[in-house]
C-alpha cells in the first residue's frame, strides 16, 4: 500500500493545495519498506489528486485541505487523514499502528486565511 504525506522539512505540510512535495511510503504487513520524496512539479489543488492517483497512492495524510481537494481525492479513491501535525515519518508509523491522531473535519478555505483555518492549523 502506498501512503503519501504532504511534506516540508521532515514535517507534515499544513496546506494540501500548496504542497510542493509529498513523501510517499510503500508499506507491507504494517511496516514501511521504502519511501521517497516526490516533487509536485507545480501541480496544485485539484490536480494533486490526479498526481497521487498516478502514483497509486491509497492513503493521504495532511494538515489543512479544502473541500474541492477532498472531493477530488474521494473521486480518485484515496483515503484522507487530515488535520495531522508533526513529523511525517512518525505520522505514517502511527497510521500503520492504528493510532494516528487526525481530525476528519479539518477543512481549509484558501480564500479566507487569517492565520488559522477553521478546524485546522493552516498557516497561510
N, C-alpha and C. Protein backbone atom coordinates (compact mmCIF):
# COMPACT_ATOMS: atom_id res chain seq x y z
N UNK A 1 0.84 -1.17 0.00
CA UNK A 1 0.00 0.00 0.00
C UNK A 1 0.89 1.24 0.00
N UNK A 2 0.49 2.23 -0.80
CA UNK A 2 1.25 3.49 -0.83
C UNK A 2 0.52 4.55 -0.02
N UNK A 3 1.29 5.22 0.82
CA UNK A 3 0.80 6.29 1.69
C UNK A 3 1.58 7.55 1.35
N UNK A 4 0.87 8.66 1.10
CA UNK A 4 1.53 9.93 0.81
C UNK A 4 1.28 10.90 1.97
N UNK A 5 2.30 11.71 2.24
CA UNK A 5 2.19 12.75 3.27
C UNK A 5 2.63 14.07 2.64
N UNK A 6 1.81 15.13 2.83
CA UNK A 6 2.27 16.45 2.41
C UNK A 6 3.54 16.73 3.21
N UNK A 7 4.59 17.23 2.54
CA UNK A 7 5.92 17.16 3.15
C UNK A 7 6.71 18.45 2.99
N UNK A 8 7.28 18.91 4.12
CA UNK A 8 8.21 20.04 4.09
C UNK A 8 9.15 19.92 5.28
N UNK A 9 10.42 19.82 5.00
CA UNK A 9 11.47 19.76 6.02
C UNK A 9 11.19 18.71 7.10
N UNK A 10 10.74 17.53 6.66
CA UNK A 10 10.53 16.42 7.58
C UNK A 10 9.16 16.41 8.25
N UNK A 11 8.41 17.47 8.08
CA UNK A 11 7.12 17.59 8.77
C UNK A 11 5.94 17.50 7.81
N UNK A 12 4.75 17.28 8.39
CA UNK A 12 3.52 17.29 7.62
C UNK A 12 3.23 18.74 7.24
N UNK A 13 3.24 19.04 5.94
CA UNK A 13 2.96 20.39 5.45
C UNK A 13 1.48 20.69 5.66
N UNK A 14 1.17 21.92 6.05
CA UNK A 14 -0.17 22.24 6.53
C UNK A 14 -1.16 22.78 5.50
N UNK A 15 -0.81 22.87 4.24
CA UNK A 15 -1.78 23.32 3.24
C UNK A 15 -1.67 22.44 2.00
N UNK A 16 -2.56 21.47 1.90
CA UNK A 16 -2.52 20.49 0.82
C UNK A 16 -2.37 21.13 -0.56
N UNK A 17 -3.18 22.12 -0.86
CA UNK A 17 -3.20 22.72 -2.20
C UNK A 17 -1.94 23.46 -2.58
N UNK A 18 -1.09 23.77 -1.59
CA UNK A 18 0.15 24.50 -1.87
C UNK A 18 1.39 23.63 -1.65
N UNK A 19 1.19 22.34 -1.38
CA UNK A 19 2.34 21.49 -1.11
C UNK A 19 3.20 21.34 -2.37
N UNK A 20 4.50 21.42 -2.18
CA UNK A 20 5.44 21.28 -3.29
C UNK A 20 6.04 19.89 -3.35
N UNK A 21 5.90 19.14 -2.23
CA UNK A 21 6.47 17.80 -2.17
C UNK A 21 5.57 16.88 -1.35
N UNK A 22 5.59 15.62 -1.74
CA UNK A 22 4.99 14.57 -0.93
C UNK A 22 6.09 13.59 -0.58
N UNK A 23 5.98 13.01 0.59
CA UNK A 23 6.81 11.85 0.89
C UNK A 23 5.89 10.65 0.71
N UNK A 24 6.27 9.76 -0.18
CA UNK A 24 5.45 8.60 -0.49
C UNK A 24 6.12 7.36 0.11
N UNK A 25 5.34 6.64 0.91
CA UNK A 25 5.83 5.46 1.62
C UNK A 25 5.18 4.21 1.01
N UNK A 26 5.95 3.18 0.85
CA UNK A 26 5.43 1.86 0.47
C UNK A 26 5.41 1.02 1.74
N UNK A 27 4.21 0.54 2.10
CA UNK A 27 4.07 -0.25 3.32
C UNK A 27 3.57 -1.65 2.99
N UNK A 28 4.12 -2.62 3.67
CA UNK A 28 3.70 -4.02 3.55
C UNK A 28 3.64 -4.62 4.94
N UNK A 29 2.58 -5.34 5.22
CA UNK A 29 2.42 -6.02 6.51
C UNK A 29 2.63 -5.07 7.69
N UNK A 30 2.10 -3.84 7.56
CA UNK A 30 2.16 -2.89 8.66
C UNK A 30 3.50 -2.22 8.89
N UNK A 31 4.43 -2.36 7.93
CA UNK A 31 5.74 -1.75 8.07
C UNK A 31 6.12 -1.01 6.80
N UNK A 32 6.86 0.09 6.95
CA UNK A 32 7.36 0.83 5.80
C UNK A 32 8.54 0.06 5.21
N UNK A 33 8.46 -0.24 3.90
CA UNK A 33 9.55 -0.95 3.25
C UNK A 33 10.40 -0.02 2.39
N UNK A 34 9.83 1.13 2.00
CA UNK A 34 10.60 2.13 1.26
C UNK A 34 9.87 3.45 1.30
N UNK A 35 10.60 4.52 0.98
CA UNK A 35 9.97 5.84 0.90
C UNK A 35 10.78 6.71 -0.04
N UNK A 36 10.11 7.70 -0.62
CA UNK A 36 10.79 8.66 -1.48
C UNK A 36 10.05 9.99 -1.42
N UNK A 37 10.80 11.07 -1.58
CA UNK A 37 10.20 12.40 -1.65
C UNK A 37 10.02 12.73 -3.12
N UNK A 38 8.79 13.10 -3.49
CA UNK A 38 8.50 13.43 -4.88
C UNK A 38 8.03 14.87 -4.98
N UNK A 39 8.46 15.54 -6.03
CA UNK A 39 8.10 16.92 -6.29
C UNK A 39 6.79 16.96 -7.06
N UNK A 40 5.92 17.91 -6.74
CA UNK A 40 4.63 18.01 -7.43
C UNK A 40 4.74 18.68 -8.79
N UNK A 41 5.91 19.17 -9.14
CA UNK A 41 6.13 19.82 -10.43
C UNK A 41 5.16 20.94 -10.73
N UNK A 42 4.81 21.70 -9.69
CA UNK A 42 3.96 22.86 -9.88
C UNK A 42 2.47 22.56 -9.89
N UNK A 43 2.08 21.29 -9.77
CA UNK A 43 0.66 20.97 -9.68
C UNK A 43 0.11 21.52 -8.38
N UNK A 44 -1.14 21.91 -8.37
CA UNK A 44 -1.76 22.42 -7.15
C UNK A 44 -3.21 22.03 -7.05
N UNK A 45 -3.74 22.14 -5.86
CA UNK A 45 -5.14 21.88 -5.55
C UNK A 45 -5.68 20.61 -6.21
N UNK A 46 -6.73 20.68 -7.00
CA UNK A 46 -7.38 19.50 -7.56
C UNK A 46 -6.47 18.61 -8.38
N UNK A 47 -5.48 19.19 -9.07
CA UNK A 47 -4.56 18.39 -9.89
C UNK A 47 -3.72 17.46 -9.03
N UNK A 48 -3.56 17.78 -7.75
CA UNK A 48 -2.75 16.94 -6.88
C UNK A 48 -3.39 15.57 -6.66
N UNK A 49 -4.72 15.49 -6.70
CA UNK A 49 -5.39 14.19 -6.55
C UNK A 49 -5.01 13.27 -7.71
N UNK A 50 -5.01 13.81 -8.92
CA UNK A 50 -4.61 13.02 -10.09
C UNK A 50 -3.14 12.62 -9.99
N UNK A 51 -2.31 13.55 -9.53
CA UNK A 51 -0.88 13.30 -9.34
C UNK A 51 -0.68 12.10 -8.40
N UNK A 52 -1.41 12.09 -7.28
CA UNK A 52 -1.29 10.99 -6.32
C UNK A 52 -1.85 9.69 -6.88
N UNK A 53 -2.98 9.79 -7.59
CA UNK A 53 -3.59 8.59 -8.18
C UNK A 53 -2.64 7.94 -9.19
N UNK A 54 -1.95 8.76 -9.97
CA UNK A 54 -0.99 8.24 -10.95
C UNK A 54 0.15 7.48 -10.27
N UNK A 55 0.43 7.83 -9.03
CA UNK A 55 1.49 7.16 -8.27
C UNK A 55 0.95 5.99 -7.45
N UNK A 56 -0.34 5.65 -7.66
CA UNK A 56 -1.00 4.53 -6.99
C UNK A 56 -1.11 4.70 -5.47
N UNK A 57 -1.20 5.96 -5.02
CA UNK A 57 -1.35 6.24 -3.60
C UNK A 57 -2.78 5.88 -3.16
N UNK A 58 -2.89 5.22 -2.01
CA UNK A 58 -4.20 4.82 -1.48
C UNK A 58 -4.61 5.63 -0.26
N UNK A 59 -3.63 6.24 0.44
CA UNK A 59 -3.88 6.98 1.68
C UNK A 59 -3.11 8.30 1.63
N UNK A 60 -3.77 9.40 2.03
CA UNK A 60 -3.11 10.69 2.14
C UNK A 60 -3.23 11.19 3.57
N UNK A 61 -2.09 11.58 4.14
CA UNK A 61 -2.03 12.22 5.45
C UNK A 61 -1.61 13.66 5.21
N UNK A 62 -2.37 14.62 5.76
CA UNK A 62 -2.05 16.03 5.51
C UNK A 62 -2.52 16.90 6.66
N UNK A 63 -2.24 18.21 6.55
CA UNK A 63 -2.74 19.19 7.50
C UNK A 63 -4.08 19.70 7.00
N UNK A 64 -4.13 20.99 6.67
CA UNK A 64 -5.36 21.58 6.16
C UNK A 64 -5.62 21.21 4.71
N UNK A 65 -6.91 21.10 4.36
CA UNK A 65 -7.28 20.74 2.99
C UNK A 65 -8.64 21.32 2.67
N UNK A 66 -8.80 21.83 1.47
CA UNK A 66 -10.06 22.43 1.06
C UNK A 66 -11.08 21.40 0.59
N UNK A 67 -12.33 21.84 0.49
CA UNK A 67 -13.42 20.95 0.12
C UNK A 67 -13.26 20.40 -1.29
N UNK A 68 -12.82 21.22 -2.23
CA UNK A 68 -12.65 20.75 -3.59
C UNK A 68 -11.62 19.64 -3.70
N UNK A 69 -10.52 19.80 -2.98
CA UNK A 69 -9.48 18.77 -2.98
C UNK A 69 -9.98 17.49 -2.31
N UNK A 70 -10.78 17.63 -1.26
CA UNK A 70 -11.37 16.46 -0.60
C UNK A 70 -12.19 15.66 -1.60
N UNK A 71 -13.01 16.37 -2.39
CA UNK A 71 -13.86 15.71 -3.37
C UNK A 71 -13.02 15.02 -4.45
N UNK A 72 -11.97 15.69 -4.92
CA UNK A 72 -11.10 15.11 -5.94
C UNK A 72 -10.42 13.85 -5.42
N UNK A 73 -9.98 13.86 -4.16
CA UNK A 73 -9.35 12.68 -3.57
C UNK A 73 -10.35 11.55 -3.44
N UNK A 74 -11.58 11.87 -3.02
CA UNK A 74 -12.62 10.85 -2.88
C UNK A 74 -12.91 10.21 -4.24
N UNK A 75 -13.00 11.03 -5.28
CA UNK A 75 -13.25 10.50 -6.63
C UNK A 75 -12.10 9.62 -7.10
N UNK A 76 -10.89 9.91 -6.64
CA UNK A 76 -9.72 9.12 -7.03
C UNK A 76 -9.57 7.86 -6.16
N UNK A 77 -10.45 7.71 -5.15
CA UNK A 77 -10.39 6.54 -4.29
C UNK A 77 -9.28 6.58 -3.27
N UNK A 78 -8.85 7.79 -2.89
CA UNK A 78 -7.76 7.95 -1.92
C UNK A 78 -8.35 8.27 -0.56
N UNK A 79 -8.00 7.46 0.45
CA UNK A 79 -8.46 7.71 1.83
C UNK A 79 -7.73 8.93 2.37
N UNK A 80 -8.46 9.77 3.09
CA UNK A 80 -7.92 11.03 3.58
C UNK A 80 -7.86 11.05 5.10
N UNK A 81 -6.70 11.48 5.62
CA UNK A 81 -6.48 11.67 7.06
C UNK A 81 -5.94 13.08 7.27
N UNK A 82 -6.82 14.09 7.38
CA UNK A 82 -6.38 15.49 7.52
C UNK A 82 -6.20 15.90 8.98
N UNK A 83 -5.69 17.12 9.15
CA UNK A 83 -5.56 17.69 10.49
C UNK A 83 -4.40 17.11 11.28
N UNK A 84 -3.38 16.61 10.57
CA UNK A 84 -2.23 15.99 11.23
C UNK A 84 -1.09 16.99 11.30
N UNK A 85 -0.42 17.03 12.43
CA UNK A 85 0.75 17.89 12.65
C UNK A 85 1.94 17.02 13.02
N UNK A 86 3.14 17.58 12.91
CA UNK A 86 4.33 16.89 13.40
C UNK A 86 5.15 16.25 12.30
N UNK A 87 5.97 15.29 12.71
CA UNK A 87 6.90 14.61 11.81
C UNK A 87 6.16 13.67 10.87
N UNK A 88 6.50 13.72 9.59
CA UNK A 88 5.86 12.87 8.59
C UNK A 88 6.09 11.38 8.88
N UNK A 89 7.34 11.00 9.16
CA UNK A 89 7.65 9.59 9.41
C UNK A 89 6.85 9.06 10.61
N UNK A 90 6.74 9.88 11.64
CA UNK A 90 6.01 9.47 12.84
C UNK A 90 4.53 9.31 12.53
N UNK A 91 3.97 10.20 11.71
CA UNK A 91 2.55 10.11 11.34
C UNK A 91 2.27 8.80 10.62
N UNK A 92 3.14 8.40 9.71
CA UNK A 92 2.95 7.14 8.98
C UNK A 92 3.08 5.95 9.93
N UNK A 93 4.05 6.00 10.82
CA UNK A 93 4.21 4.94 11.82
C UNK A 93 2.93 4.81 12.65
N UNK A 94 2.38 5.94 13.10
CA UNK A 94 1.15 5.92 13.90
C UNK A 94 -0.02 5.40 13.06
N UNK A 95 -0.12 5.81 11.80
CA UNK A 95 -1.18 5.31 10.93
C UNK A 95 -1.12 3.79 10.82
N UNK A 96 0.07 3.26 10.58
CA UNK A 96 0.24 1.82 10.42
C UNK A 96 -0.06 1.05 11.70
N UNK A 97 0.02 1.73 12.84
CA UNK A 97 -0.28 1.11 14.13
C UNK A 97 -1.67 1.49 14.65
N UNK A 98 -2.50 2.04 13.76
CA UNK A 98 -3.89 2.42 14.10
C UNK A 98 -4.00 3.38 15.26
N UNK A 99 -3.03 4.29 15.42
CA UNK A 99 -3.15 5.29 16.48
C UNK A 99 -2.78 6.69 16.01
N UNK A 100 -3.08 6.98 14.73
CA UNK A 100 -2.83 8.31 14.18
C UNK A 100 -3.86 9.30 14.73
N UNK A 101 -3.38 10.41 15.24
CA UNK A 101 -4.25 11.48 15.72
C UNK A 101 -4.53 12.42 14.55
N UNK A 102 -5.79 12.48 14.10
CA UNK A 102 -6.17 13.34 12.99
C UNK A 102 -7.57 13.88 13.23
N UNK A 103 -7.94 14.88 12.46
CA UNK A 103 -9.26 15.50 12.59
C UNK A 103 -9.98 15.37 11.26
N UNK A 104 -10.94 14.43 11.16
CA UNK A 104 -11.62 14.20 9.88
C UNK A 104 -12.41 15.41 9.39
N UNK A 105 -12.70 16.35 10.27
CA UNK A 105 -13.49 17.53 9.89
C UNK A 105 -12.64 18.73 9.49
N UNK A 106 -11.32 18.58 9.46
CA UNK A 106 -10.44 19.69 9.08
C UNK A 106 -10.74 20.12 7.65
N UNK A 107 -11.09 21.39 7.50
CA UNK A 107 -11.31 21.97 6.18
C UNK A 107 -10.54 23.28 6.12
N UNK A 108 -9.89 23.51 5.02
CA UNK A 108 -9.11 24.72 4.84
C UNK A 108 -9.67 25.49 3.66
N UNK A 109 -10.07 26.73 3.88
CA UNK A 109 -10.58 27.56 2.80
C UNK A 109 -9.50 28.56 2.43
N UNK A 110 -8.87 28.38 1.27
CA UNK A 110 -7.74 29.23 0.90
C UNK A 110 -8.17 30.66 0.57
N UNK A 111 -9.47 30.91 0.57
CA UNK A 111 -9.95 32.27 0.30
C UNK A 111 -10.06 33.10 1.57
N UNK A 112 -9.99 32.47 2.73
CA UNK A 112 -10.23 33.18 3.98
C UNK A 112 -9.13 32.96 5.00
N UNK A 113 -7.90 33.08 4.60
CA UNK A 113 -6.81 32.85 5.55
C UNK A 113 -6.60 34.04 6.47
N UNK A 114 -6.70 33.74 7.76
CA UNK A 114 -6.46 34.75 8.79
C UNK A 114 -5.52 34.18 9.83
N UNK A 115 -4.52 33.45 9.39
CA UNK A 115 -3.57 32.85 10.34
C UNK A 115 -3.93 31.42 10.68
N UNK A 116 -5.20 31.11 10.76
CA UNK A 116 -5.63 29.74 11.05
C UNK A 116 -6.84 29.42 10.19
N UNK A 117 -7.01 28.17 9.88
CA UNK A 117 -8.19 27.73 9.16
C UNK A 117 -9.17 27.12 10.17
N UNK A 118 -10.43 27.17 9.84
CA UNK A 118 -11.44 26.58 10.72
C UNK A 118 -11.13 25.11 10.93
N UNK A 119 -10.95 24.72 12.16
CA UNK A 119 -10.74 23.32 12.49
C UNK A 119 -9.33 22.80 12.25
N UNK A 120 -8.44 23.61 11.72
CA UNK A 120 -7.08 23.15 11.44
C UNK A 120 -6.06 24.21 11.75
N UNK A 121 -4.86 23.95 11.41
CA UNK A 121 -3.79 24.90 11.66
C UNK A 121 -3.08 25.28 10.39
N UNK A 122 -3.84 25.68 9.41
CA UNK A 122 -3.27 26.09 8.14
C UNK A 122 -2.58 27.44 8.33
N UNK A 123 -1.34 27.52 7.93
CA UNK A 123 -0.55 28.70 8.29
C UNK A 123 -0.54 29.80 7.23
N UNK A 124 -1.45 29.77 6.25
CA UNK A 124 -1.45 30.80 5.21
C UNK A 124 -2.48 31.87 5.51
